[in-house]
Amino acid sequence: MQLENEHSEITDNLNNWNDRAVVHANGGYGDLTQFVKDKSAVTTTVKRDFAVLKPYLSHNTVKNKRLLHLQCHIGDDTLSWARLGAKDVYGLDFSPVALKYARKLANEANTPITYVEGDARYAAKALPEKTGKFDIIVTSAGTITWLPELKSWAQSIAQLLAPGGIFMIRDNHPLLFALDNAGLEIKFNYFSGTENTYESDASYTPNSTGKIKHQTNHNWAHDFAEIINTLINAGLTIKNVGEYQVSDWQSLPSLIYDKDQEGWIQPTNLPQVPLIFSVVAQKL
């Protein structure tokens, strides 16, 4: 029964993200045509990801390194990694609609990127055996809360990394799950195993209200202990853990946009809480 429920919940999320992909690719993520034309353009998300990753890379660069982007969505971030010099870049996502737009974006940018449809927990099974190992695996900004469990996810990452390879996650802080993105009042259990199901006809992008047909969402809490220990138990070595006060999106209604930091911050008159976390791990 549990597997049946999980399958149904993943299907709900898949239908929801297929809808979101249409919204995001058609204005929700800004002017993607201009993004394609500007060969030097890199998303703000990837700029932040790279800042976290850079100290743990040989020569502080992704150039000429094989890279896999998990839960890549419509591929603007994946294209950004290729523009930073990563080679033989792969993107994986469970939404065929998102991947359609990702492939279109890569084609328009004349940038070779291989996109694969699959659940991030089972990426090693979704990728063909001939794919080989990766020097870098990344996932970022609103990813693991959509995964029911992380054990398979961590094992898959470890399996796909080459010896010496680096994994980096930079994502919404686990505390935000307990706050339910509604304010500073604790409303849900912080600890792993907590599930939140809700209905919404909007995405997190501006002017998206009423544009999401499949409105059921399922999110799962993943506390810091689970995130870190699943990576350790999969055989990876933790190199760094970070917490940040600048978010990629308005994850709390009190946040205001800061142009200088190109992100959302808590006003100084309110309690300061971590909005984003990062973990860097290595396969030794």
Protein backbone atom coordinates (compact mmCIF):
# COMPACT_ATOMS: atom_id res chain seq x y z
CA MET A 1 0.00 0.00 0.00
CA GLN A 2 2.88 2.38 0.83
CA LEU A 3 4.42 1.87 -2.63
CA GLU A 4 1.04 2.45 -4.26
CA ASN A 5 0.60 5.68 -2.30
CA GLU A 6 4.09 6.85 -3.21
CA HIS A 7 3.47 6.12 -6.89
CA SER A 8 0.26 8.14 -6.77
CA GLU A 9 2.00 11.03 -5.01
CA ILE A 10 4.89 11.08 -7.49
CA THR A 11 2.34 11.09 -10.33
CA ASP A 12 0.60 14.08 -8.74
CA ASN A 13 3.90 15.92 -8.54
CA LEU A 14 4.84 14.95 -12.10
CA ASN A 15 1.58 16.33 -13.47
CA ASN A 16 2.08 19.49 -11.43
CA TRP A 17 5.64 19.99 -12.68
CA ASN A 18 4.64 19.36 -16.28
CA ASP A 19 2.27 22.32 -15.85
CA ARG A 20 4.93 24.40 -14.13
CA ALA A 21 7.39 23.76 -16.96
CA VAL A 22 5.02 25.41 -19.44
CA VAL A 23 4.62 28.43 -17.17
CA HIS A 24 8.33 28.75 -16.43
CA ALA A 25 9.44 28.36 -20.05
CA ASN A 26 6.95 30.93 -21.29
CA GLY A 27 7.81 33.97 -19.21
CA GLY A 28 8.03 32.61 -15.68
CA TYR A 29 11.82 32.42 -15.87
CA GLY A 30 12.15 35.71 -17.70
CA ASP A 31 13.30 36.28 -21.26
CA LEU A 32 14.87 32.98 -22.24
CA THR A 33 15.36 34.17 -25.82
CA GLN A 34 17.70 36.89 -24.57
CA PHE A 35 19.33 34.38 -22.23
CA VAL A 36 20.13 32.16 -25.22
CA LYS A 37 21.51 35.07 -27.26
CA ASP A 38 23.86 36.23 -24.50
CA LYS A 39 26.53 33.54 -24.61
CA SER A 40 28.05 34.83 -21.38
CA ALA A 41 24.76 34.71 -19.42
CA VAL A 42 24.74 32.49 -16.33
CA THR A 43 21.77 32.19 -13.98
CA THR A 44 21.99 33.70 -10.51
CA THR A 45 21.32 30.24 -9.07
CA VAL A 46 24.38 28.78 -10.77
CA LYS A 47 26.50 31.77 -9.76
CA ARG A 48 25.69 30.94 -6.13
CA ASP A 49 26.15 27.20 -6.69
CA PHE A 50 29.54 27.77 -8.27
CA ALA A 51 30.65 30.00 -5.39
CA VAL A 52 29.95 27.10 -3.01
CA LEU A 53 31.54 24.49 -5.27
CA LYS A 54 34.59 26.39 -6.49
CA PRO A 55 36.94 25.93 -3.49
CA TYR A 56 36.65 22.14 -3.80
CA LEU A 57 37.46 21.91 -7.50
CA SER A 58 40.91 21.43 -8.95
CA HIS A 59 42.09 24.80 -10.26
CA ASN A 60 38.81 26.26 -8.93
CA THR A 61 36.98 25.58 -12.19
CA VAL A 62 34.43 23.25 -13.81
CA LYS A 63 36.22 23.54 -17.16
CA ASN A 64 36.71 20.22 -18.93
CA LYS A 65 34.97 18.34 -16.12
CA ARG A 66 32.06 15.97 -16.74
CA LEU A 67 28.96 17.27 -14.97
CA LEU A 68 25.52 15.88 -14.11
CA HIS A 69 22.72 18.22 -13.06
CA LEU A 70 19.99 16.41 -11.10
CA GLN A 71 16.40 17.72 -11.18
CA CYS A 72 17.44 20.08 -13.96
CA HIS A 73 13.91 21.29 -14.87
CA ILE A 74 13.86 23.42 -18.06
CA GLY A 75 17.64 23.53 -18.37
CA ASP A 76 18.61 27.19 -17.93
CA ASP A 77 20.87 26.26 -15.02
CA THR A 78 22.24 23.25 -16.92
CA LEU A 79 23.10 25.50 -19.86
CA SER A 80 24.82 27.83 -17.40
CA TRP A 81 27.11 25.03 -16.21
CA ALA A 82 28.06 24.31 -19.82
CA ARG A 83 28.81 28.00 -20.32
CA LEU A 84 31.13 27.90 -17.33
CA GLY A 85 33.14 25.29 -19.19
CA ALA A 86 31.83 21.90 -18.04
CA LYS A 87 32.08 19.29 -20.78
CA ASP A 88 29.86 16.34 -21.66
CA VAL A 89 27.08 17.89 -19.56
CA TYR A 90 24.02 15.84 -18.60
CA GLY A 91 20.71 16.93 -17.11
CA LEU A 92 18.16 14.62 -15.49
CA ASP A 93 14.55 15.36 -14.62
CA PHE A 94 11.32 13.37 -14.18
CA SER A 95 9.21 15.79 -16.27
CA PRO A 96 9.14 15.10 -20.02
CA VAL A 97 7.60 18.53 -20.61
CA ALA A 98 10.45 20.24 -18.76
CA LEU A 99 12.99 18.22 -20.75
CA LYS A 100 11.32 19.23 -24.01
CA TYR A 101 11.98 22.86 -23.15
CA ALA A 102 15.48 22.06 -21.87
CA ARG A 103 16.42 20.41 -25.16
CA LYS A 104 14.94 23.33 -27.09
CA LEU A 105 16.98 25.79 -25.04
CA ALA A 106 20.21 23.84 -25.58
CA ASN A 107 19.54 23.55 -29.32
CA GLU A 108 18.84 27.27 -29.64
CA ALA A 109 22.05 28.01 -27.74
CA ASN A 110 23.92 25.54 -29.98
CA THR A 111 25.25 23.82 -26.86
CA PRO A 112 25.49 20.01 -26.67
CA ILE A 113 23.74 18.80 -23.51
CA THR A 114 22.33 15.31 -22.97
CA TYR A 115 18.98 15.21 -21.18
CA VAL A 116 17.61 12.07 -19.58
CA GLU A 117 14.16 11.45 -18.11
CA GLY A 118 14.17 9.84 -14.69
CA ASP A 119 13.64 10.04 -10.94
CA ALA A 120 16.67 11.64 -9.24
CA ARG A 121 16.65 8.85 -6.64
CA TYR A 122 17.41 6.33 -9.36
CA ALA A 123 19.62 8.39 -11.66
CA ALA A 124 22.20 5.61 -11.91
CA LYS A 125 19.53 3.32 -13.39
CA ALA A 126 18.10 6.01 -15.68
CA LEU A 127 21.45 6.82 -17.28
CA PRO A 128 22.80 4.34 -19.86
CA GLU A 129 25.78 2.27 -18.68
CA LYS A 130 27.96 3.78 -21.42
CA THR A 131 27.49 7.21 -19.82
CA GLY A 132 30.36 6.59 -17.41
CA LYS A 133 31.22 8.47 -14.22
CA PHE A 134 31.01 12.18 -13.47
CA ASP A 135 33.56 14.56 -12.00
CA ILE A 136 30.80 16.80 -10.63
CA ILE A 137 27.15 16.23 -9.68
CA VAL A 138 24.99 19.18 -8.66
CA THR A 139 21.42 19.77 -7.53
CA SER A 140 19.99 23.06 -6.39
CA ALA A 141 17.17 25.37 -5.34
CA GLY A 142 13.99 23.48 -4.55
CA THR A 143 14.85 19.85 -5.20
CA ILE A 144 14.92 17.24 -2.45
CA THR A 145 11.64 18.22 -0.78
CA TRP A 146 10.01 16.55 -3.80
CA LEU A 147 11.71 13.21 -3.03
CA PRO A 148 10.03 10.83 -0.52
CA GLU A 149 13.36 9.43 0.70
CA LEU A 150 17.06 10.16 0.27
CA LYS A 151 18.81 6.80 0.77
CA SER A 152 18.41 5.78 -2.87
CA TRP A 153 19.27 9.32 -3.97
CA ALA A 154 22.58 9.35 -2.07
CA GLN A 155 23.52 5.85 -3.21
CA SER A 156 22.86 6.81 -6.82
CA ILE A 157 25.03 9.91 -6.52
CA ALA A 158 27.88 7.88 -5.02
CA GLN A 159 27.55 5.31 -7.81
CA LEU A 160 27.72 7.96 -10.53
CA LEU A 161 30.67 9.95 -9.14
CA ALA A 162 34.17 9.20 -10.36
CA PRO A 163 36.85 8.69 -7.69
CA GLY A 164 37.71 12.14 -6.38
CA GLY A 165 34.45 13.49 -7.79
CA ILE A 166 32.51 16.23 -6.02
CA PHE A 167 28.80 16.45 -5.19
CA MET A 168 27.15 19.74 -4.26
CA ILE A 169 23.62 20.45 -3.08
CA ARG A 170 22.39 23.96 -2.34
CA ASP A 171 18.72 23.96 -1.45
CA ASN A 172 15.96 25.36 0.73
CA HIS A 173 16.89 25.07 4.40
CA PRO A 174 15.09 22.20 6.21
CA LEU A 175 13.74 24.71 8.74
CA LEU A 176 11.51 26.22 6.04
CA PHE A 177 9.53 22.98 5.80
CA ALA A 178 8.47 23.37 9.42
CA LEU A 179 7.46 26.95 8.68
CA ASP A 180 5.49 25.78 5.64
CA ASN A 181 6.65 28.86 3.70
CA ALA A 182 3.88 30.80 5.44
CA GLY A 183 5.72 32.79 8.10
CA LEU A 184 7.85 32.47 11.20
CA GLU A 185 5.44 30.29 13.14
CA ILE A 186 6.27 26.58 13.39
CA LYS A 187 3.40 24.67 11.79
CA PHE A 188 4.83 21.28 10.83
CA ASN A 189 7.27 18.73 12.20
CA TYR A 190 10.85 19.55 11.24
CA PHE A 191 12.03 15.95 11.21
CA SER A 192 12.30 13.60 8.24
CA GLY A 193 9.21 11.55 7.52
CA THR A 194 6.84 14.50 7.68
CA GLU A 195 4.73 14.92 4.55
CA ASN A 196 2.83 18.02 3.51
CA THR A 197 0.14 17.79 0.84
CA TYR A 198 -1.43 20.96 -0.45
CA GLU A 199 -3.32 22.45 -3.40
CA SER A 200 -2.14 25.44 -5.42
CA ASP A 201 -3.02 26.81 -8.83
CA ALA A 202 0.22 28.86 -8.93
CA SER A 203 3.95 28.27 -9.13
CA TYR A 204 6.63 30.29 -7.33
CA THR A 205 7.11 32.64 -10.29
CA PRO A 206 5.32 35.99 -10.77
CA ASN A 207 1.93 36.09 -12.50
CA SER A 208 1.44 32.32 -12.33
CA THR A 209 -1.80 32.27 -10.33
CA GLY A 210 -4.48 30.26 -12.10
CA LYS A 211 -2.06 28.72 -14.60
CA ILE A 212 -1.45 25.36 -12.91
CA LYS A 213 -4.13 22.82 -13.86
CA HIS A 214 -2.85 19.91 -11.77
CA GLN A 215 -2.81 21.54 -8.35
CA THR A 216 -1.93 18.74 -5.89
CA ASN A 217 1.58 18.92 -4.43
CA HIS A 218 3.35 16.48 -2.10
CA ASN A 219 6.48 17.59 -0.22
CA TRP A 220 8.60 15.61 2.24
CA ALA A 221 10.74 16.93 5.10
CA HIS A 222 14.44 16.04 5.11
CA ASP A 223 16.24 17.19 8.23
CA PHE A 224 19.97 17.93 8.34
CA ALA A 225 20.77 14.60 9.98
CA GLU A 226 19.13 12.65 7.15
CA ILE A 227 20.73 14.74 4.40
CA ILE A 228 24.24 14.44 5.78
CA ASN A 229 24.07 10.87 7.08
CA THR A 230 22.63 9.43 3.86
CA LEU A 231 25.56 10.93 1.95
CA ILE A 232 28.05 9.58 4.52
CA ASN A 233 26.41 6.15 4.54
CA ALA A 234 26.62 6.07 0.74
CA GLY A 235 30.40 6.38 1.06
CA LEU A 236 30.90 10.09 0.51
CA THR A 237 33.06 12.38 2.65
CA ILE A 238 31.52 15.67 3.77
CA LYS A 239 33.79 18.57 2.91
CA ASN A 240 31.62 21.54 3.86
CA VAL A 241 28.20 22.52 5.22
CA GLY A 242 26.84 26.03 4.77
CA GLU A 243 23.81 28.09 5.85
CA TYR A 244 22.80 31.33 4.13
CA GLN A 245 20.47 34.28 4.61
CA VAL A 246 19.85 34.97 0.91
CA SER A 247 17.21 32.88 -0.89
CA ASP A 248 16.76 32.26 -4.61
CA TRP A 249 13.03 32.85 -4.25
CA GLN A 250 10.53 34.40 -1.85
CA SER A 251 10.38 31.38 0.44
CA LEU A 252 8.78 33.39 3.26
CA PRO A 253 6.17 36.11 2.74
CA SER A 254 8.24 38.54 4.83
CA LEU A 255 11.26 38.37 2.51
CA ILE A 256 12.17 41.37 0.40
CA TYR A 257 14.24 41.43 -2.79
CA ASP A 258 17.76 42.79 -2.46
CA LYS A 259 19.16 43.98 -5.80
CA ASP A 260 22.76 44.02 -4.61
CA GLN A 261 22.62 40.36 -3.56
CA GLU A 262 20.25 39.35 -6.37
CA GLY A 263 18.09 37.43 -3.95
CA TRP A 264 15.50 37.50 -1.19
CA ILE A 265 16.41 38.45 2.38
CA GLN A 266 14.67 38.84 5.73
CA PRO A 267 14.17 42.48 6.78
CA THR A 268 16.57 43.45 9.55
CA ASN A 269 13.71 44.15 11.99
CA LEU A 270 12.64 40.48 11.89
CA PRO A 271 14.36 37.37 13.32
CA GLN A 272 17.11 36.14 11.02
CA VAL A 273 16.79 32.46 10.10
CA PRO A 274 18.70 30.34 7.57
CA LEU A 275 16.94 30.27 4.21
CA ILE A 276 19.35 28.11 2.20
CA PHE A 277 21.80 25.36 3.09
CA SER A 278 24.61 23.69 1.16
CA VAL A 279 26.58 20.48 1.44
CA VAL A 280 29.70 19.61 -0.49
CA ALA A 281 30.78 15.96 -0.46
CA GLN A 282 33.52 14.00 -2.19
CA LYS A 283 33.96 10.41 -3.32
CA LEU A 284 37.44 9.50 -2.15
